[in-house]
Protein backbone atom coordinates (compact mmCIF):
# COMPACT_ATOMS: atom_id res chain seq x y z
CA MET A 1 -16.98 -119.49 -0.60
CA LYS A 2 -17.23 -122.03 1.57
CA ARG A 3 -21.19 -122.82 2.90
CA GLU A 4 -20.05 -122.25 6.37
CA LYS A 5 -18.51 -118.72 6.12
CA LYS A 6 -21.61 -117.82 3.84
CA GLN A 7 -23.87 -118.79 6.10
CA ARG A 8 -21.94 -117.17 9.03
CA LEU A 9 -21.26 -113.91 6.86
CA GLU A 10 -25.21 -113.65 5.84
CA ALA A 11 -26.55 -114.74 9.19
CA ALA A 12 -24.50 -111.05 10.19
CA GLY A 13 -26.36 -109.51 7.54
CA TRP A 14 -24.45 -109.26 4.97
CA LYS A 15 -25.42 -109.81 1.49
CA VAL A 16 -23.29 -112.84 -0.25
CA GLY A 17 -23.16 -112.58 -4.13
CA SER A 18 -21.03 -112.85 -7.58
CA VAL A 19 -18.53 -109.91 -8.56
CA ARG A 20 -20.87 -110.63 -11.55
CA GLU A 21 -24.02 -109.57 -9.72
CA PHE A 22 -22.26 -106.69 -7.37
CA LEU A 23 -20.85 -105.22 -10.10
CA GLY A 24 -23.52 -105.61 -13.32
CA LEU A 25 -21.93 -106.94 -15.75
CA THR A 26 -22.63 -109.02 -18.69
CA ASP A 27 -22.01 -112.07 -20.19
CA ALA A 28 -19.65 -110.31 -22.66
CA GLU A 29 -17.78 -108.34 -20.01
CA VAL A 30 -17.27 -110.95 -17.84
CA ALA A 31 -15.94 -112.96 -21.05
CA VAL A 32 -13.68 -109.79 -21.80
CA VAL A 33 -12.36 -109.80 -18.00
CA GLU A 34 -11.47 -113.22 -17.79
CA LEU A 35 -9.54 -113.46 -21.16
CA LYS A 36 -7.35 -110.42 -19.90
CA LEU A 37 -6.74 -112.59 -17.18
CA GLU A 38 -5.72 -115.65 -18.52
CA LEU A 39 -3.50 -113.43 -21.18
CA ALA A 40 -1.96 -112.13 -17.82
CA LYS A 41 -1.17 -115.55 -16.32
CA ALA A 42 0.04 -116.88 -19.82
CA LEU A 43 2.36 -113.91 -19.51
CA ARG A 44 3.43 -114.99 -16.50
CA ALA A 45 3.66 -118.21 -16.76
CA LEU A 46 6.15 -117.16 -20.13
CA ARG A 47 8.04 -115.26 -17.96
CA THR A 48 9.05 -118.14 -15.01
CA GLN A 49 9.31 -120.36 -17.95
CA ARG A 50 12.38 -118.66 -19.69
CA LYS A 51 13.81 -117.78 -15.66
CA MET A 52 12.92 -114.11 -16.38
CA THR A 53 12.64 -111.00 -13.84
CA GLN A 54 10.07 -108.93 -14.08
CA GLY A 55 13.17 -106.36 -14.28
CA GLN A 56 14.50 -108.75 -17.67
CA ALA A 57 11.25 -108.65 -19.22
CA GLY A 58 10.52 -105.38 -18.80
CA GLN A 59 13.69 -104.67 -20.36
CA LEU A 60 12.86 -107.09 -23.58
CA LEU A 61 9.35 -105.31 -24.13
CA GLY A 62 11.25 -101.91 -23.61
CA SER A 63 9.36 -101.29 -20.54
CA SER A 64 9.63 -101.52 -16.49
CA GLN A 65 9.93 -103.98 -13.82
CA SER A 66 6.66 -102.42 -12.41
CA ARG A 67 4.98 -102.19 -15.20
CA VAL A 68 5.37 -106.01 -16.15
CA ALA A 69 3.65 -106.52 -12.70
CA LYS A 70 0.44 -104.38 -13.51
CA MET A 71 0.39 -106.48 -17.01
CA GLU A 72 1.14 -109.87 -14.96
CA ALA A 73 -1.85 -108.63 -11.89
CA GLY A 74 -4.41 -107.81 -14.85
CA ASP A 75 -4.25 -104.50 -14.12
CA PRO A 76 -6.97 -101.99 -15.41
CA SER A 77 -4.27 -99.84 -17.00
CA VAL A 78 -3.48 -102.68 -18.88
CA SER A 79 -5.10 -103.64 -22.52
CA ILE A 80 -5.37 -106.87 -23.58
CA ASP A 81 -3.40 -105.61 -27.01
CA LEU A 82 -0.56 -104.90 -24.68
CA LEU A 83 -0.57 -108.35 -23.35
CA VAL A 84 -0.83 -110.02 -26.72
CA ARG A 85 2.22 -107.82 -27.75
CA ALA A 86 4.26 -108.77 -25.03
CA LEU A 87 3.37 -112.24 -25.44
CA PHE A 88 4.55 -112.44 -28.94
CA THR A 89 7.68 -110.17 -28.02
CA MET A 90 8.29 -113.06 -25.52
CA GLY A 91 8.17 -115.48 -27.73
CA ALA A 92 5.03 -116.76 -27.14
CA SER A 93 3.17 -118.41 -30.61
CA ARG A 94 -0.39 -117.49 -31.65
CA GLN A 95 -1.21 -121.66 -30.95
CA ASP A 96 0.43 -120.66 -27.61
CA LEU A 97 -1.82 -118.52 -26.90
CA ALA A 98 -4.81 -120.65 -27.77
CA ARG A 99 -3.95 -123.91 -26.31
CA HIS A 100 -3.56 -121.04 -22.88
CA LEU A 101 -6.35 -120.00 -23.39
CA ALA A 102 -8.43 -123.23 -24.33
CA ALA A 103 -7.15 -124.72 -21.07
CA PRO A 104 -10.16 -125.31 -18.43
CA THR A 105 -9.98 -122.40 -15.67
CA ARG A 106 -10.25 -122.83 -12.04
CA ARG A 107 -10.84 -119.12 -11.39
CA HIS A 108 -14.12 -117.25 -11.36
CA ALA A 109 -13.38 -114.00 -12.03
CA ALA A 110 -17.21 -113.18 -12.02
């Protein structure tokens, strides 16, 4: 958040903090959230790289377009296990996953 916006919110009486503080997350919980979001990002990247629609990916995975959309959004109903299995089904290797997870991220989920 930009400093000016933060200052305006605080001046108006709002408390500004992180998701970690708001939810009271531990370091391990933050790591799990970030892992899930990176896997979801990897699934979307692989699907678009293969020029597939969410519907086509759903057919390949034996699922639906809406489920693929939830997977790509990191929806709480989607497990890390399901994301990993989907990536492998779509052709990702363990090395692909490791490279994607090792890449620096710009997101600060918590």
